[in-house]
Amino acid sequence: MRYMLLVYNDETRWDAMSEGEQDARVQQAVDYSMGLRDKGVYLTGDRLMPTSTATTVRMKDGQTLVTDGPFAETKEQLGGYSVIEAANLDEALATVVRHPLVRNGLSIEIRPLREPPPLR
């Protein structure tokens, strides 16, 4: 089964880090992902640009509403994602608890992905 790992961080804490600290954290995550790729577990993933670059689109009363940035004010923002292959949630959890980003205080939400319908 495929699982999406949604990585949440506090952008203000990230911005307060030196460039060297940021680079080290990113490299730890890349190294971990490459190890998972070598095991055939890691399928894909990317970092996201900051929420200040986001645009949210909604429909209200038949009108399209476009707003800059995220819609909800939260302490943590979605900063990136990975997709992994795991036999079950326990196996996905075992993968995530070893992730260096979790060990550095970030949150990772695990969500199973629906299997796509068969192509016709």
N, C-alpha and C. Protein backbone atom coordinates (compact mmCIF):
# COMPACT_ATOMS: atom_id res chain seq x y z
N MET A 1 0.85 -1.18 0.00
CA MET A 1 0.00 0.00 0.00
C MET A 1 0.89 1.24 0.00
N ARG A 2 0.42 2.27 -0.68
CA ARG A 2 1.16 3.53 -0.71
C ARG A 2 0.65 4.45 0.41
N TYR A 3 1.60 5.13 1.04
CA TYR A 3 1.28 6.09 2.09
C TYR A 3 1.91 7.43 1.76
N MET A 4 1.15 8.50 1.96
CA MET A 4 1.71 9.83 1.81
C MET A 4 2.13 10.31 3.19
N LEU A 5 3.35 10.82 3.26
CA LEU A 5 3.87 11.39 4.49
C LEU A 5 3.85 12.90 4.32
N LEU A 6 3.03 13.59 5.10
CA LEU A 6 2.90 15.04 5.01
C LEU A 6 3.74 15.65 6.12
N VAL A 7 4.74 16.41 5.74
CA VAL A 7 5.71 16.96 6.68
C VAL A 7 5.28 18.38 7.05
N TYR A 8 5.06 18.60 8.35
CA TYR A 8 4.65 19.91 8.84
C TYR A 8 5.78 20.53 9.66
N ASN A 9 6.00 21.82 9.43
CA ASN A 9 7.00 22.53 10.20
C ASN A 9 6.50 23.92 10.53
N ASP A 10 7.19 24.56 11.46
CA ASP A 10 6.90 25.93 11.83
C ASP A 10 7.84 26.80 11.01
N GLU A 11 7.30 27.50 10.03
CA GLU A 11 8.14 28.29 9.13
C GLU A 11 8.94 29.36 9.87
N THR A 12 8.41 29.89 10.97
CA THR A 12 9.16 30.91 11.71
C THR A 12 10.38 30.29 12.37
N ARG A 13 10.26 29.07 12.87
CA ARG A 13 11.44 28.38 13.44
C ARG A 13 12.46 28.09 12.35
N TRP A 14 11.98 27.67 11.18
CA TRP A 14 12.87 27.38 10.05
C TRP A 14 13.63 28.64 9.64
N ASP A 15 12.89 29.75 9.52
CA ASP A 15 13.51 31.01 9.10
C ASP A 15 14.52 31.52 10.11
N ALA A 16 14.36 31.14 11.38
CA ALA A 16 15.28 31.58 12.43
C ALA A 16 16.60 30.80 12.41
N MET A 17 16.64 29.67 11.71
CA MET A 17 17.86 28.86 11.62
C MET A 17 18.84 29.50 10.65
N SER A 18 20.12 29.24 10.90
CA SER A 18 21.14 29.70 9.95
C SER A 18 21.03 28.88 8.67
N GLU A 19 21.59 29.39 7.61
CA GLU A 19 21.57 28.66 6.34
C GLU A 19 22.27 27.31 6.49
N GLY A 20 23.33 27.27 7.27
CA GLY A 20 24.04 26.01 7.51
C GLY A 20 23.18 24.98 8.23
N GLU A 21 22.40 25.45 9.23
CA GLU A 21 21.50 24.54 9.94
C GLU A 21 20.41 24.03 9.00
N GLN A 22 19.87 24.92 8.18
CA GLN A 22 18.84 24.51 7.23
C GLN A 22 19.40 23.48 6.26
N ASP A 23 20.57 23.75 5.71
CA ASP A 23 21.18 22.83 4.76
C ASP A 23 21.43 21.47 5.39
N ALA A 24 21.87 21.45 6.64
CA ALA A 24 22.13 20.18 7.33
C ALA A 24 20.84 19.38 7.51
N ARG A 25 19.76 20.05 7.89
CA ARG A 25 18.47 19.35 8.06
C ARG A 25 17.97 18.79 6.74
N VAL A 26 18.08 19.58 5.69
CA VAL A 26 17.64 19.12 4.37
C VAL A 26 18.48 17.92 3.96
N GLN A 27 19.78 17.98 4.15
CA GLN A 27 20.65 16.87 3.74
C GLN A 27 20.33 15.60 4.52
N GLN A 28 20.02 15.72 5.81
CA GLN A 28 19.62 14.56 6.60
C GLN A 28 18.38 13.90 6.01
N ALA A 29 17.40 14.72 5.64
CA ALA A 29 16.16 14.18 5.07
C ALA A 29 16.42 13.54 3.71
N VAL A 30 17.26 14.17 2.89
CA VAL A 30 17.59 13.61 1.57
C VAL A 30 18.32 12.29 1.74
N ASP A 31 19.28 12.24 2.64
CA ASP A 31 20.01 10.99 2.87
C ASP A 31 19.08 9.87 3.33
N TYR A 32 18.15 10.20 4.23
CA TYR A 32 17.19 9.21 4.71
C TYR A 32 16.32 8.71 3.56
N SER A 33 15.83 9.64 2.75
CA SER A 33 14.99 9.27 1.61
C SER A 33 15.74 8.41 0.61
N MET A 34 17.00 8.72 0.36
CA MET A 34 17.80 7.92 -0.57
C MET A 34 18.00 6.50 -0.03
N GLY A 35 18.17 6.37 1.28
CA GLY A 35 18.26 5.05 1.88
C GLY A 35 16.97 4.26 1.69
N LEU A 36 15.83 4.94 1.83
CA LEU A 36 14.54 4.28 1.59
C LEU A 36 14.37 3.93 0.12
N ARG A 37 14.85 4.80 -0.77
CA ARG A 37 14.76 4.52 -2.21
C ARG A 37 15.58 3.26 -2.53
N ASP A 38 16.77 3.15 -1.94
CA ASP A 38 17.62 1.97 -2.18
C ASP A 38 16.93 0.68 -1.73
N LYS A 39 16.04 0.78 -0.72
CA LYS A 39 15.30 -0.39 -0.23
C LYS A 39 14.01 -0.62 -1.00
N GLY A 40 13.71 0.26 -1.96
CA GLY A 40 12.48 0.13 -2.74
C GLY A 40 11.24 0.63 -2.03
N VAL A 41 11.41 1.43 -0.97
CA VAL A 41 10.29 1.91 -0.17
C VAL A 41 9.85 3.31 -0.60
N TYR A 42 10.82 4.18 -0.89
CA TYR A 42 10.54 5.57 -1.22
C TYR A 42 10.14 5.67 -2.68
N LEU A 43 8.99 6.29 -2.94
CA LEU A 43 8.50 6.41 -4.31
C LEU A 43 8.72 7.80 -4.88
N THR A 44 8.40 8.85 -4.12
CA THR A 44 8.58 10.23 -4.58
C THR A 44 8.42 11.18 -3.41
N GLY A 45 8.75 12.43 -3.63
CA GLY A 45 8.56 13.45 -2.61
C GLY A 45 9.22 14.74 -3.02
N ASP A 46 8.83 15.82 -2.38
CA ASP A 46 9.40 17.14 -2.64
C ASP A 46 9.15 18.06 -1.47
N ARG A 47 10.01 19.06 -1.39
CA ARG A 47 9.77 20.16 -0.46
C ARG A 47 8.83 21.13 -1.14
N LEU A 48 8.08 21.86 -0.34
CA LEU A 48 7.18 22.88 -0.87
C LEU A 48 7.77 24.25 -0.61
N MET A 49 7.41 25.20 -1.44
CA MET A 49 7.79 26.59 -1.21
C MET A 49 7.02 27.07 0.02
N PRO A 50 7.44 28.18 0.64
CA PRO A 50 6.75 28.66 1.84
C PRO A 50 5.28 29.00 1.58
N THR A 51 4.50 29.01 2.65
CA THR A 51 3.07 29.29 2.51
C THR A 51 2.82 30.69 1.95
N SER A 52 3.78 31.59 2.08
CA SER A 52 3.60 32.94 1.52
C SER A 52 3.48 32.91 0.00
N THR A 53 3.88 31.80 -0.63
CA THR A 53 3.77 31.68 -2.09
C THR A 53 2.50 30.96 -2.52
N ALA A 54 1.70 30.51 -1.55
CA ALA A 54 0.50 29.72 -1.85
C ALA A 54 -0.65 30.60 -2.33
N THR A 55 -1.51 30.00 -3.11
CA THR A 55 -2.77 30.62 -3.54
C THR A 55 -3.87 29.61 -3.28
N THR A 56 -4.94 30.06 -2.63
CA THR A 56 -6.06 29.18 -2.31
C THR A 56 -7.26 29.56 -3.18
N VAL A 57 -7.91 28.57 -3.77
CA VAL A 57 -9.07 28.80 -4.64
C VAL A 57 -10.27 28.11 -4.01
N ARG A 58 -11.38 28.84 -3.90
CA ARG A 58 -12.63 28.31 -3.37
C ARG A 58 -13.79 28.83 -4.23
N MET A 59 -14.92 28.14 -4.10
CA MET A 59 -16.16 28.62 -4.73
C MET A 59 -17.14 28.94 -3.61
N LYS A 60 -17.76 30.12 -3.69
CA LYS A 60 -18.78 30.50 -2.71
C LYS A 60 -19.90 31.19 -3.47
N ASP A 61 -21.09 30.63 -3.36
CA ASP A 61 -22.26 31.18 -4.05
C ASP A 61 -22.00 31.34 -5.55
N GLY A 62 -21.32 30.37 -6.15
CA GLY A 62 -21.06 30.38 -7.57
C GLY A 62 -19.93 31.30 -8.00
N GLN A 63 -19.30 31.97 -7.06
CA GLN A 63 -18.20 32.89 -7.37
C GLN A 63 -16.86 32.25 -6.99
N THR A 64 -15.88 32.44 -7.83
CA THR A 64 -14.54 31.95 -7.54
C THR A 64 -13.84 32.94 -6.63
N LEU A 65 -13.32 32.45 -5.51
CA LEU A 65 -12.58 33.28 -4.57
C LEU A 65 -11.12 32.83 -4.60
N VAL A 66 -10.23 33.75 -4.85
CA VAL A 66 -8.80 33.46 -4.89
C VAL A 66 -8.14 34.31 -3.81
N THR A 67 -7.43 33.64 -2.89
CA THR A 67 -6.72 34.37 -1.83
C THR A 67 -5.26 33.96 -1.83
N ASP A 68 -4.42 34.90 -1.47
CA ASP A 68 -3.00 34.60 -1.35
C ASP A 68 -2.74 33.90 -0.02
N GLY A 69 -1.78 33.00 -0.05
CA GLY A 69 -1.36 32.32 1.18
C GLY A 69 -2.34 31.25 1.59
N PRO A 70 -2.04 30.62 2.71
CA PRO A 70 -2.92 29.56 3.21
C PRO A 70 -4.21 30.16 3.75
N PHE A 71 -5.27 29.38 3.75
CA PHE A 71 -6.55 29.86 4.23
C PHE A 71 -6.60 29.88 5.75
N ALA A 72 -6.09 28.83 6.39
CA ALA A 72 -6.17 28.71 7.84
C ALA A 72 -4.87 29.20 8.49
N GLU A 73 -5.02 29.86 9.62
CA GLU A 73 -3.85 30.26 10.41
C GLU A 73 -3.52 29.08 11.33
N THR A 74 -2.33 28.56 11.18
CA THR A 74 -1.90 27.44 12.00
C THR A 74 -0.48 27.68 12.48
N LYS A 75 -0.07 26.94 13.49
CA LYS A 75 1.29 27.05 13.99
C LYS A 75 2.26 26.26 13.13
N GLU A 76 1.75 25.25 12.46
CA GLU A 76 2.59 24.43 11.59
C GLU A 76 2.04 24.50 10.18
N GLN A 77 2.95 24.49 9.22
CA GLN A 77 2.55 24.56 7.83
C GLN A 77 3.05 23.31 7.11
N LEU A 78 2.33 22.92 6.07
CA LEU A 78 2.76 21.81 5.24
C LEU A 78 4.01 22.25 4.49
N GLY A 79 5.12 21.54 4.72
CA GLY A 79 6.38 21.94 4.13
C GLY A 79 6.88 21.01 3.05
N GLY A 80 6.29 19.82 2.97
CA GLY A 80 6.74 18.87 1.97
C GLY A 80 5.99 17.56 2.12
N TYR A 81 6.30 16.64 1.24
CA TYR A 81 5.62 15.35 1.27
C TYR A 81 6.54 14.28 0.71
N SER A 82 6.26 13.06 1.07
CA SER A 82 6.89 11.88 0.48
C SER A 82 5.81 10.85 0.27
N VAL A 83 6.02 9.97 -0.66
CA VAL A 83 5.14 8.82 -0.85
C VAL A 83 6.01 7.59 -0.70
N ILE A 84 5.58 6.70 0.19
CA ILE A 84 6.33 5.46 0.42
C ILE A 84 5.43 4.26 0.18
N GLU A 85 6.05 3.13 0.03
CA GLU A 85 5.34 1.85 -0.09
C GLU A 85 5.56 1.11 1.21
N ALA A 86 4.48 0.64 1.83
CA ALA A 86 4.56 -0.12 3.07
C ALA A 86 3.46 -1.16 3.08
N ALA A 87 3.71 -2.27 3.74
CA ALA A 87 2.73 -3.36 3.79
C ALA A 87 1.48 -2.94 4.56
N ASN A 88 1.66 -2.10 5.60
CA ASN A 88 0.55 -1.69 6.44
C ASN A 88 0.96 -0.45 7.24
N LEU A 89 0.05 0.05 8.05
CA LEU A 89 0.33 1.26 8.82
C LEU A 89 1.49 1.05 9.79
N ASP A 90 1.57 -0.12 10.41
CA ASP A 90 2.67 -0.37 11.34
C ASP A 90 4.03 -0.23 10.65
N GLU A 91 4.12 -0.74 9.44
CA GLU A 91 5.38 -0.63 8.70
C GLU A 91 5.66 0.83 8.32
N ALA A 92 4.62 1.58 7.94
CA ALA A 92 4.78 3.00 7.64
C ALA A 92 5.22 3.77 8.89
N LEU A 93 4.63 3.45 10.03
CA LEU A 93 5.02 4.09 11.29
C LEU A 93 6.48 3.80 11.62
N ALA A 94 6.90 2.57 11.42
CA ALA A 94 8.29 2.20 11.70
C ALA A 94 9.24 3.00 10.82
N THR A 95 8.83 3.31 9.61
CA THR A 95 9.65 4.13 8.71
C THR A 95 9.70 5.57 9.19
N VAL A 96 8.56 6.10 9.61
CA VAL A 96 8.48 7.51 9.99
C VAL A 96 9.19 7.80 11.31
N VAL A 97 9.10 6.91 12.28
CA VAL A 97 9.72 7.21 13.58
C VAL A 97 11.24 7.32 13.48
N ARG A 98 11.84 6.76 12.45
CA ARG A 98 13.28 6.87 12.24
C ARG A 98 13.66 8.09 11.40
N HIS A 99 12.68 8.81 10.89
CA HIS A 99 12.95 9.94 10.00
C HIS A 99 13.65 11.06 10.78
N PRO A 100 14.73 11.62 10.24
CA PRO A 100 15.44 12.68 10.96
C PRO A 100 14.61 13.93 11.19
N LEU A 101 13.63 14.21 10.34
CA LEU A 101 12.80 15.39 10.57
C LEU A 101 11.94 15.23 11.81
N VAL A 102 11.43 14.03 12.06
CA VAL A 102 10.66 13.77 13.28
C VAL A 102 11.58 13.92 14.49
N ARG A 103 12.77 13.40 14.36
CA ARG A 103 13.74 13.50 15.47
C ARG A 103 14.17 14.94 15.73
N ASN A 104 14.01 15.82 14.73
CA ASN A 104 14.33 17.24 14.88
C ASN A 104 13.11 18.07 15.27
N GLY A 105 12.00 17.41 15.63
CA GLY A 105 10.84 18.13 16.16
C GLY A 105 9.73 18.43 15.19
N LEU A 106 9.86 18.02 13.93
CA LEU A 106 8.78 18.25 12.98
C LEU A 106 7.72 17.16 13.09
N SER A 107 6.55 17.43 12.57
CA SER A 107 5.45 16.46 12.56
C SER A 107 5.32 15.85 11.17
N ILE A 108 5.05 14.56 11.14
CA ILE A 108 4.77 13.90 9.86
C ILE A 108 3.44 13.16 9.99
N GLU A 109 2.49 13.56 9.17
CA GLU A 109 1.18 12.90 9.12
C GLU A 109 1.26 11.79 8.10
N ILE A 110 0.73 10.63 8.45
CA ILE A 110 0.74 9.46 7.55
C ILE A 110 -0.68 9.26 7.05
N ARG A 111 -0.84 9.25 5.72
CA ARG A 111 -2.16 9.05 5.13
C ARG A 111 -2.08 8.00 4.05
N PRO A 112 -2.90 6.95 4.15
CA PRO A 112 -2.92 5.97 3.05
C PRO A 112 -3.50 6.62 1.80
N LEU A 113 -2.95 6.24 0.67
CA LEU A 113 -3.47 6.73 -0.61
C LEU A 113 -4.46 5.73 -1.17
N ARG A 114 -5.51 6.23 -1.75
CA ARG A 114 -6.48 5.35 -2.43
C ARG A 114 -5.82 4.81 -3.68
N GLU A 115 -6.10 3.58 -3.96
CA GLU A 115 -5.59 3.00 -5.20
C GLU A 115 -6.40 3.56 -6.35
N PRO A 116 -5.74 3.90 -7.44
CA PRO A 116 -6.48 4.47 -8.57
C PRO A 116 -7.38 3.41 -9.21
N PRO A 117 -8.47 3.85 -9.83
CA PRO A 117 -9.33 2.88 -10.52
C PRO A 117 -8.58 2.30 -11.71
N PRO A 118 -8.95 1.10 -12.12
CA PRO A 118 -8.28 0.50 -13.29
C PRO A 118 -8.52 1.34 -14.53
N LEU A 119 -7.52 1.41 -15.37
CA LEU A 119 -7.65 2.13 -16.64
C LEU A 119 -8.54 1.35 -17.58
N ARG A 120 -9.32 2.05 -18.35
CA ARG A 120 -10.22 1.37 -19.30
C ARG A 120 -9.63 1.35 -20.66
